[in-house]
Amino acid sequence: MATPMYTAEEAFDLARTAYLRGRYDADINELRGTWAEHSEPQATREQRVAARLEEMDRAARSRAERDGRPYRIYRGGPVDFETGRPVRDLQVAA
């Protein structure tokens, strides 16, 4: 059985059609997910956010362990680049 031969234009059209179909499917799935999210109770969304934060925390802990440094929770604000400790007096840092 001979393999079908496509011209460059036909191959481009096939690739473009597949791309557009994938984008369409992704957009429809995102829309369905948005509808499902709005119909869920608020606590479920909060639980998903908490689970995502926990996942990011685990990743940060494992990276700190892999890098051989202590894990420190970043609580916001300026941090000394050398030590990783919070800067208490901003005039000293400047």
PDB file of N, CA and C in Angstrom:
ATOM      1  N   MET A   1       0.844  -1.172   0.000  1.00  0.00           N
ATOM      2  CA  MET A   1       0.000   0.000   0.000  1.00  0.00           C
ATOM      3  C   MET A   1       0.891   1.236   0.000  1.00  0.00           C
ATOM      4  N   ALA A   2       0.640   2.126  -0.878  1.00  0.00           N
ATOM      5  CA  ALA A   2       1.469   3.332  -1.009  1.00  0.00           C
ATOM      6  C   ALA A   2       1.034   4.374   0.021  1.00  0.00           C
ATOM      7  N   THR A   3       2.029   5.058   0.537  1.00  0.00           N
ATOM      8  CA  THR A   3       1.750   6.133   1.484  1.00  0.00           C
ATOM      9  C   THR A   3       1.233   7.345   0.725  1.00  0.00           C
ATOM     10  N   PRO A   4       0.220   7.999   1.292  1.00  0.00           N
ATOM     11  CA  PRO A   4      -0.280   9.188   0.594  1.00  0.00           C
ATOM     12  C   PRO A   4       0.761  10.307   0.638  1.00  0.00           C
ATOM     13  N   MET A   5       0.888  10.982  -0.458  1.00  0.00           N
ATOM     14  CA  MET A   5       1.817  12.103  -0.551  1.00  0.00           C
ATOM     15  C   MET A   5       0.998  13.388  -0.523  1.00  0.00           C
ATOM     16  N   TYR A   6       1.389  14.287   0.346  1.00  0.00           N
ATOM     17  CA  TYR A   6       0.695  15.559   0.460  1.00  0.00           C
ATOM     18  C   TYR A   6       1.586  16.672  -0.070  1.00  0.00           C
ATOM     19  N   THR A   7       0.950  17.631  -0.662  1.00  0.00           N
ATOM     20  CA  THR A   7       1.695  18.814  -1.077  1.00  0.00           C
ATOM     21  C   THR A   7       1.966  19.646   0.175  1.00  0.00           C
ATOM     22  N   ALA A   8       2.847  20.610   0.052  1.00  0.00           N
ATOM     23  CA  ALA A   8       3.171  21.468   1.195  1.00  0.00           C
ATOM     24  C   ALA A   8       1.932  22.215   1.664  1.00  0.00           C
ATOM     25  N   GLU A   9       1.104  22.643   0.734  1.00  0.00           N
ATOM     26  CA  GLU A   9      -0.111  23.367   1.101  1.00  0.00           C
ATOM     27  C   GLU A   9      -1.096  22.460   1.833  1.00  0.00           C
ATOM     28  N   GLU A  10      -1.229  21.214   1.379  1.00  0.00           N
ATOM     29  CA  GLU A  10      -2.120  20.265   2.052  1.00  0.00           C
ATOM     30  C   GLU A  10      -1.599  19.931   3.459  1.00  0.00           C
ATOM     31  N   ALA A  11      -0.300  19.744   3.573  1.00  0.00           N
ATOM     32  CA  ALA A  11       0.288  19.455   4.889  1.00  0.00           C
ATOM     33  C   ALA A  11       0.076  20.629   5.835  1.00  0.00           C
ATOM     34  N   PHE A  12       0.246  21.855   5.323  1.00  0.00           N
ATOM     35  CA  PHE A  12       0.014  23.040   6.144  1.00  0.00           C
ATOM     36  C   PHE A  12      -1.440  23.105   6.588  1.00  0.00           C
ATOM     37  N   ASP A  13      -2.363  22.818   5.662  1.00  0.00           N
ATOM     38  CA  ASP A  13      -3.786  22.847   6.006  1.00  0.00           C
ATOM     39  C   ASP A  13      -4.121  21.800   7.070  1.00  0.00           C
ATOM     40  N   LEU A  14      -3.544  20.616   6.956  1.00  0.00           N
ATOM     41  CA  LEU A  14      -3.775  19.573   7.962  1.00  0.00           C
ATOM     42  C   LEU A  14      -3.244  19.995   9.325  1.00  0.00           C
ATOM     43  N   ALA A  15      -2.043  20.556   9.353  1.00  0.00           N
ATOM     44  CA  ALA A  15      -1.453  20.997  10.614  1.00  0.00           C
ATOM     45  C   ALA A  15      -2.261  22.139  11.224  1.00  0.00           C
ATOM     46  N   ARG A  16      -2.694  23.086  10.393  1.00  0.00           N
ATOM     47  CA  ARG A  16      -3.486  24.212  10.875  1.00  0.00           C
ATOM     48  C   ARG A  16      -4.827  23.735  11.414  1.00  0.00           C
ATOM     49  N   THR A  17      -5.463  22.804  10.731  1.00  0.00           N
ATOM     50  CA  THR A  17      -6.740  22.263  11.184  1.00  0.00           C
ATOM     51  C   THR A  17      -6.585  21.546  12.524  1.00  0.00           C
ATOM     52  N   ALA A  18      -5.512  20.754  12.662  1.00  0.00           N
ATOM     53  CA  ALA A  18      -5.274  20.057  13.930  1.00  0.00           C
ATOM     54  C   ALA A  18      -5.020  21.052  15.047  1.00  0.00           C
ATOM     55  N   TYR A  19      -4.258  22.098  14.769  1.00  0.00           N
ATOM     56  CA  TYR A  19      -3.976  23.125  15.774  1.00  0.00           C
ATOM     57  C   TYR A  19      -5.261  23.826  16.208  1.00  0.00           C
ATOM     58  N   LEU A  20      -6.070  24.240  15.236  1.00  0.00           N
ATOM     59  CA  LEU A  20      -7.304  24.944  15.556  1.00  0.00           C
ATOM     60  C   LEU A  20      -8.267  24.047  16.328  1.00  0.00           C
ATOM     61  N   ARG A  21      -8.306  22.768  15.954  1.00  0.00           N
ATOM     62  CA  ARG A  21      -9.173  21.835  16.684  1.00  0.00           C
ATOM     63  C   ARG A  21      -8.696  21.684  18.131  1.00  0.00           C
ATOM     64  N   GLY A  22      -7.398  21.621  18.325  1.00  0.00           N
ATOM     65  CA  GLY A  22      -6.860  21.528  19.677  1.00  0.00           C
ATOM     66  C   GLY A  22      -7.164  22.766  20.489  1.00  0.00           C
ATOM     67  N   ARG A  23      -7.029  23.932  19.879  1.00  0.00           N
ATOM     68  CA  ARG A  23      -7.366  25.180  20.574  1.00  0.00           C
ATOM     69  C   ARG A  23      -8.845  25.213  20.924  1.00  0.00           C
ATOM     70  N   TYR A  24      -9.708  24.776  19.985  1.00  0.00           N
ATOM     71  CA  TYR A  24     -11.141  24.743  20.226  1.00  0.00           C
ATOM     72  C   TYR A  24     -11.454  23.821  21.404  1.00  0.00           C
ATOM     73  N   ASP A  25     -10.874  22.621  21.398  1.00  0.00           N
ATOM     74  CA  ASP A  25     -11.110  21.667  22.485  1.00  0.00           C
ATOM     75  C   ASP A  25     -10.629  22.233  23.821  1.00  0.00           C
ATOM     76  N   ALA A  26      -9.474  22.875  23.825  1.00  0.00           N
ATOM     77  CA  ALA A  26      -8.945  23.457  25.059  1.00  0.00           C
ATOM     78  C   ALA A  26      -9.870  24.565  25.565  1.00  0.00           C
ATOM     79  N   ASP A  27     -10.362  25.411  24.674  1.00  0.00           N
ATOM     80  CA  ASP A  27     -11.266  26.490  25.074  1.00  0.00           C
ATOM     81  C   ASP A  27     -12.587  25.944  25.623  1.00  0.00           C
ATOM     82  N   ILE A  28     -13.119  24.918  24.983  1.00  0.00           N
ATOM     83  CA  ILE A  28     -14.370  24.307  25.456  1.00  0.00           C
ATOM     84  C   ILE A  28     -14.159  23.678  26.825  1.00  0.00           C
ATOM     85  N   ASN A  29     -13.042  22.969  27.010  1.00  0.00           N
ATOM     86  CA  ASN A  29     -12.772  22.349  28.308  1.00  0.00           C
ATOM     87  C   ASN A  29     -12.588  23.399  29.402  1.00  0.00           C
ATOM     88  N   GLU A  30     -11.936  24.515  29.070  1.00  0.00           N
ATOM     89  CA  GLU A  30     -11.771  25.588  30.043  1.00  0.00           C
ATOM     90  C   GLU A  30     -13.121  26.194  30.409  1.00  0.00           C
ATOM     91  N   LEU A  31     -13.979  26.382  29.422  1.00  0.00           N
ATOM     92  CA  LEU A  31     -15.310  26.914  29.671  1.00  0.00           C
ATOM     93  C   LEU A  31     -16.114  25.980  30.560  1.00  0.00           C
ATOM     94  N   ARG A  32     -16.058  24.686  30.261  1.00  0.00           N
ATOM     95  CA  ARG A  32     -16.775  23.707  31.094  1.00  0.00           C
ATOM     96  C   ARG A  32     -16.224  23.701  32.517  1.00  0.00           C
ATOM     97  N   GLY A  33     -14.910  23.821  32.649  1.00  0.00           N
ATOM     98  CA  GLY A  33     -14.312  23.884  33.977  1.00  0.00           C
ATOM     99  C   GLY A  33     -14.754  25.116  34.750  1.00  0.00           C
ATOM    100  N   THR A  34     -14.883  26.241  34.047  1.00  0.00           N
ATOM    101  CA  THR A  34     -15.347  27.469  34.685  1.00  0.00           C
ATOM    102  C   THR A  34     -16.786  27.309  35.162  1.00  0.00           C
ATOM    103  N   TRP A  35     -17.616  26.700  34.329  1.00  0.00           N
ATOM    104  CA  TRP A  35     -19.003  26.472  34.734  1.00  0.00           C
ATOM    105  C   TRP A  35     -19.058  25.558  35.953  1.00  0.00           C
ATOM    106  N   ALA A  36     -18.253  24.512  35.945  1.00  0.00           N
ATOM    107  CA  ALA A  36     -18.244  23.580  37.071  1.00  0.00           C
ATOM    108  C   ALA A  36     -17.738  24.266  38.340  1.00  0.00           C
ATOM    109  N   GLU A  37     -16.741  25.125  38.189  1.00  0.00           N
ATOM    110  CA  GLU A  37     -16.185  25.834  39.340  1.00  0.00           C
ATOM    111  C   GLU A  37     -17.226  26.756  39.967  1.00  0.00           C
ATOM    112  N   HIS A  38     -18.021  27.428  39.151  1.00  0.00           N
ATOM    113  CA  HIS A  38     -19.030  28.343  39.684  1.00  0.00           C
ATOM    114  C   HIS A  38     -20.161  27.606  40.379  1.00  0.00           C
ATOM    115  N   SER A  39     -20.421  26.385  39.986  1.00  0.00           N
ATOM    116  CA  SER A  39     -21.508  25.646  40.615  1.00  0.00           C
ATOM    117  C   SER A  39     -21.059  24.940  41.891  1.00  0.00           C
ATOM    118  N   GLU A  40     -19.752  24.897  42.155  1.00  0.00           N
ATOM    119  CA  GLU A  40     -19.253  24.250  43.361  1.00  0.00           C
ATOM    120  C   GLU A  40     -19.381  25.192  44.559  1.00  0.00           C
ATOM    121  N   PRO A  41     -19.511  24.624  45.752  1.00  0.00           N
ATOM    122  CA  PRO A  41     -19.538  25.490  46.936  1.00  0.00           C
ATOM    123  C   PRO A  41     -18.184  26.157  47.143  1.00  0.00           C
ATOM    124  N   GLN A  42     -18.189  27.287  47.834  1.00  0.00           N
ATOM    125  CA  GLN A  42     -16.970  28.076  48.040  1.00  0.00           C
ATOM    126  C   GLN A  42     -15.900  27.288  48.782  1.00  0.00           C
ATOM    127  N   ALA A  43     -16.285  26.444  49.741  1.00  0.00           N
ATOM    128  CA  ALA A  43     -15.306  25.687  50.524  1.00  0.00           C
ATOM    129  C   ALA A  43     -14.461  24.800  49.628  1.00  0.00           C
ATOM    130  N   THR A  44     -15.040  24.251  48.582  1.00  0.00           N
ATOM    131  CA  THR A  44     -14.293  23.381  47.678  1.00  0.00           C
ATOM    132  C   THR A  44     -13.197  24.169  46.973  1.00  0.00           C
ATOM    133  N   ARG A  45     -13.510  25.373  46.558  1.00  0.00           N
ATOM    134  CA  ARG A  45     -12.493  26.209  45.921  1.00  0.00           C
ATOM    135  C   ARG A  45     -11.394  26.546  46.920  1.00  0.00           C
ATOM    136  N   GLU A  46     -11.755  26.856  48.127  1.00  0.00           N
ATOM    137  CA  GLU A  46     -10.758  27.149  49.152  1.00  0.00           C
ATOM    138  C   GLU A  46      -9.876  25.932  49.416  1.00  0.00           C
ATOM    139  N   GLN A  47     -10.468  24.777  49.393  1.00  0.00           N
ATOM    140  CA  GLN A  47      -9.688  23.555  49.589  1.00  0.00           C
ATOM    141  C   GLN A  47      -8.709  23.351  48.437  1.00  0.00           C
ATOM    142  N   ARG A  48      -9.147  23.660  47.204  1.00  0.00           N
ATOM    143  CA  ARG A  48      -8.243  23.518  46.058  1.00  0.00           C
ATOM    144  C   ARG A  48      -7.079  24.494  46.159  1.00  0.00           C
ATOM    145  N   VAL A  49      -7.355  25.715  46.596  1.00  0.00           N
ATOM    146  CA  VAL A  49      -6.290  26.709  46.762  1.00  0.00           C
ATOM    147  C   VAL A  49      -5.329  26.254  47.847  1.00  0.00           C
ATOM    148  N   ALA A  50      -5.857  25.743  48.955  1.00  0.00           N
ATOM    149  CA  ALA A  50      -5.007  25.253  50.041  1.00  0.00           C
ATOM    150  C   ALA A  50      -4.148  24.083  49.572  1.00  0.00           C
ATOM    151  N   ALA A  51      -4.722  23.204  48.772  1.00  0.00           N
ATOM    152  CA  ALA A  51      -3.956  22.070  48.253  1.00  0.00           C
ATOM    153  C   ALA A  51      -2.839  22.547  47.332  1.00  0.00           C
ATOM    154  N   ARG A  52      -3.116  23.558  46.512  1.00  0.00           N
ATOM    155  CA  ARG A  52      -2.091  24.100  45.609  1.00  0.00           C
ATOM    156  C   ARG A  52      -0.970  24.768  46.404  1.00  0.00           C
ATOM    157  N   LEU A  53      -1.329  25.512  47.448  1.00  0.00           N
ATOM    158  CA  LEU A  53      -0.306  26.137  48.290  1.00  0.00           C
ATOM    159  C   LEU A  53       0.548  25.084  48.986  1.00  0.00           C
ATOM    160  N   GLU A  54      -0.087  24.008  49.424  1.00  0.00           N
ATOM    161  CA  GLU A  54       0.655  22.921  50.063  1.00  0.00           C
ATOM    162  C   GLU A  54       1.611  22.262  49.060  1.00  0.00           C
ATOM    163  N   GLU A  55       1.150  22.100  47.829  1.00  0.00           N
ATOM    164  CA  GLU A  55       2.002  21.520  46.785  1.00  0.00           C
ATOM    165  C   GLU A  55       3.220  22.413  46.515  1.00  0.00           C
ATOM    166  N   MET A  56       3.013  23.724  46.453  1.00  0.00           N
ATOM    167  CA  MET A  56       4.125  24.644  46.225  1.00  0.00           C
ATOM    168  C   MET A  56       5.092  24.628  47.408  1.00  0.00           C
ATOM    169  N   ASP A  57       4.547  24.505  48.626  1.00  0.00           N
ATOM    170  CA  ASP A  57       5.385  24.440  49.818  1.00  0.00           C
ATOM    171  C   ASP A  57       6.253  23.178  49.802  1.00  0.00           C
ATOM    172  N   ARG A  58       5.641  22.042  49.428  1.00  0.00           N
ATOM    173  CA  ARG A  58       6.419  20.791  49.337  1.00  0.00           C
ATOM    174  C   ARG A  58       7.531  20.904  48.304  1.00  0.00           C
ATOM    175  N   ALA A  59       7.223  21.546  47.161  1.00  0.00           N
ATOM    176  CA  ALA A  59       8.238  21.723  46.121  1.00  0.00           C
ATOM    177  C   ALA A  59       9.382  22.596  46.621  1.00  0.00           C
ATOM    178  N   ALA A  60       9.060  23.663  47.352  1.00  0.00           N
ATOM    179  CA  ALA A  60      10.101  24.554  47.885  1.00  0.00           C
ATOM    180  C   ALA A  60      10.953  23.829  48.919  1.00  0.00           C
ATOM    181  N   ARG A  61      10.313  23.015  49.755  1.00  0.00           N
ATOM    182  CA  ARG A  61      11.068  22.255  50.758  1.00  0.00           C
ATOM    183  C   ARG A  61      12.012  21.259  50.096  1.00  0.00           C
ATOM    184  N   SER A  62      11.524  20.561  49.078  1.00  0.00           N
ATOM    185  CA  SER A  62      12.386  19.566  48.416  1.00  0.00           C
ATOM    186  C   SER A  62      13.527  20.249  47.664  1.00  0.00           C
ATOM    187  N   ARG A  63      13.268  21.424  47.087  1.00  0.00           N
ATOM    188  CA  ARG A  63      14.346  22.147  46.405  1.00  0.00           C
ATOM    189  C   ARG A  63      15.406  22.612  47.398  1.00  0.00           C
ATOM    190  N   ALA A  64      14.966  23.106  48.558  1.00  0.00           N
ATOM    191  CA  ALA A  64      15.923  23.533  49.581  1.00  0.00           C
ATOM    192  C   ALA A  64      16.755  22.345  50.049  1.00  0.00           C
ATOM    193  N   GLU A  65      16.110  21.197  50.212  1.00  0.00           N
ATOM    194  CA  GLU A  65      16.841  19.996  50.617  1.00  0.00           C
ATOM    195  C   GLU A  65      17.833  19.566  49.544  1.00  0.00           C
ATOM    196  N   ARG A  66      17.395  19.633  48.290  1.00  0.00           N
ATOM    197  CA  ARG A  66      18.258  19.252  47.168  1.00  0.00           C
ATOM    198  C   ARG A  66      19.452  20.201  47.040  1.00  0.00           C
ATOM    199  N   ASP A  67      19.216  21.507  47.318  1.00  0.00           N
ATOM    200  CA  ASP A  67      20.293  22.494  47.244  1.00  0.00           C
ATOM    201  C   ASP A  67      21.177  22.483  48.477  1.00  0.00           C
ATOM    202  N   GLY A  68      20.778  21.735  49.507  1.00  0.00           N
ATOM    203  CA  GLY A  68      21.579  21.651  50.725  1.00  0.00           C
ATOM    204  C   GLY A  68      21.504  22.907  51.583  1.00  0.00           C
ATOM    205  N   ARG A  69      20.356  23.560  51.592  1.00  0.00           N
ATOM    206  CA  ARG A  69      20.200  24.758  52.405  1.00  0.00           C
ATOM    207  C   ARG A  69      18.939  24.609  53.245  1.00  0.00           C
ATOM    208  N   PRO A  70      18.844  25.349  54.334  1.00  0.00           N
ATOM    209  CA  PRO A  70      17.643  25.248  55.161  1.00  0.00           C
ATOM    210  C   PRO A  70      16.441  25.874  54.461  1.00  0.00           C
ATOM    211  N   TYR A  71      15.285  25.332  54.743  1.00  0.00           N
ATOM    212  CA  TYR A  71      14.052  25.867  54.170  1.00  0.00           C
ATOM    213  C   TYR A  71      13.525  26.974  55.069  1.00  0.00           C
ATOM    214  N   ARG A  72      13.261  28.132  54.485  1.00  0.00           N
ATOM    215  CA  ARG A  72      12.701  29.256  55.231  1.00  0.00           C
ATOM    216  C   ARG A  72      11.423  29.709  54.535  1.00  0.00           C
ATOM    217  N   ILE A  73      10.387  29.886  55.310  1.00  0.00           N
ATOM    218  CA  ILE A  73       9.125  30.371  54.757  1.00  0.00           C
ATOM    219  C   ILE A  73       9.242  31.868  54.520  1.00  0.00           C
ATOM    220  N   TYR A  74       8.944  32.299  53.314  1.00  0.00           N
ATOM    221  CA  TYR A  74       8.992  33.724  52.979  1.00  0.00           C
ATOM    222  C   TYR A  74       7.688  34.360  53.431  1.00  0.00           C
ATOM    223  N   ARG A  75       7.759  35.294  54.334  1.00  0.00           N
ATOM    224  CA  ARG A  75       6.568  35.917  54.891  1.00  0.00           C
ATOM    225  C   ARG A  75       6.314  37.307  54.303  1.00  0.00           C
ATOM    226  N   GLY A  76       7.078  37.670  53.305  1.00  0.00           N
ATOM    227  CA  GLY A  76       6.893  38.962  52.660  1.00  0.00           C
ATOM    228  C   GLY A  76       7.903  39.972  53.161  1.00  0.00           C
ATOM    229  N   GLY A  77       8.080  41.017  52.404  1.00  0.00           N
ATOM    230  CA  GLY A  77       8.993  42.072  52.786  1.00  0.00           C
ATOM    231  C   GLY A  77      10.383  41.846  52.207  1.00  0.00           C
ATOM    232  N   PRO A  78      11.283  42.823  52.400  1.00  0.00           N
ATOM    233  CA  PRO A  78      12.629  42.731  51.840  1.00  0.00           C
ATOM    234  C   PRO A  78      13.463  41.671  52.551  1.00  0.00           C
ATOM    235  N   VAL A  79      14.316  41.003  51.777  1.00  0.00           N
ATOM    236  CA  VAL A  79      15.165  39.941  52.302  1.00  0.00           C
ATOM    237  C   VAL A  79      16.605  40.220  51.896  1.00  0.00           C
ATOM    238  N   ASP A  80      17.533  39.990  52.812  1.00  0.00           N
ATOM    239  CA  ASP A  80      18.957  40.131  52.516  1.00  0.00           C
ATOM    240  C   ASP A  80      19.364  39.003  51.569  1.00  0.00           C
ATOM    241  N   PHE A  81      19.906  39.350  50.420  1.00  0.00           N
ATOM    242  CA  PHE A  81      20.257  38.355  49.407  1.00  0.00           C
ATOM    243  C   PHE A  81      21.330  37.393  49.893  1.00  0.00           C
ATOM    244  N   GLU A  82      22.263  37.891  50.682  1.00  0.00           N
ATOM    245  CA  GLU A  82      23.377  37.060  51.148  1.00  0.00           C
ATOM    246  C   GLU A  82      22.938  36.022  52.170  1.00  0.00           C
ATOM    247  N   THR A  83      22.143  36.441  53.143  1.00  0.00           N
ATOM    248  CA  THR A  83      21.787  35.551  54.254  1.00  0.00           C
ATOM    249  C   THR A  83      20.410  34.932  54.118  1.00  0.00           C
ATOM    250  N   GLY A  84      19.528  35.566  53.357  1.00  0.00           N
ATOM    251  CA  GLY A  84      18.164  35.085  53.256  1.00  0.00           C
ATOM    252  C   GLY A  84      17.303  35.501  54.422  1.00  0.00           C
ATOM    253  N   ARG A  85      17.821  36.341  55.291  1.00  0.00           N
ATOM    254  CA  ARG A  85      17.077  36.801  56.466  1.00  0.00           C
ATOM    255  C   ARG A  85      16.359  38.104  56.140  1.00  0.00           C
ATOM    256  N   PRO A  86      15.234  38.353  56.824  1.00  0.00           N
ATOM    257  CA  PRO A  86      14.502  39.603  56.572  1.00  0.00           C
ATOM    258  C   PRO A  86      15.336  40.825  56.942  1.00  0.00           C
ATOM    259  N   VAL A  87      15.175  41.885  56.186  1.00  0.00           N
ATOM    260  CA  VAL A  87      15.854  43.145  56.476  1.00  0.00           C
ATOM    261  C   VAL A  87      14.929  43.947  57.378  1.00  0.00           C
ATOM    262  N   ARG A  88      15.420  44.276  58.559  1.00  0.00           N
ATOM    263  CA  ARG A  88      14.603  45.013  59.528  1.00  0.00           C
ATOM    264  C   ARG A  88      14.724  46.519  59.309  1.00  0.00           C
ATOM    265  N   ASP A  89      15.911  46.994  58.991  1.00  0.00           N
ATOM    266  CA  ASP A  89      16.148  48.426  58.815  1.00  0.00           C
ATOM    267  C   ASP A  89      16.457  48.662  57.335  1.00  0.00           C
ATOM    268  N   LEU A  90      15.526  49.255  56.621  1.00  0.00           N
ATOM    269  CA  LEU A  90      15.695  49.448  55.181  1.00  0.00           C
ATOM    270  C   LEU A  90      16.800  50.436  54.849  1.00  0.00           C
ATOM    271  N   GLN A  91      17.140  51.363  55.752  1.00  0.00           N
ATOM    272  CA  GLN A  91      18.217  52.311  55.477  1.00  0.00           C
ATOM    273  C   GLN A  91      19.562  51.599  55.439  1.00  0.00           C
ATOM    274  N   VAL A  92      19.708  50.556  56.233  1.00  0.00           N
ATOM    275  CA  VAL A  92      20.957  49.791  56.232  1.00  0.00           C
ATOM    276  C   VAL A  92      21.085  49.026  54.910  1.00  0.00           C
ATOM    277  N   ALA A  93      19.976  48.511  54.385  1.00  0.00           N
ATOM    278  CA  ALA A  93      20.006  47.738  53.157  1.00  0.00           C
ATOM    279  C   ALA A  93      20.319  48.613  51.946  1.00  0.00           C
ATOM    280  N   ALA A  94      19.919  49.873  51.998  1.00  0.00           N
ATOM    281  CA  ALA A  94      20.132  50.760  50.866  1.00  0.00           C
ATOM    282  C   ALA A  94      21.535  51.248  50.905  1.00  0.00           C
TER     283      ALA A  94
END
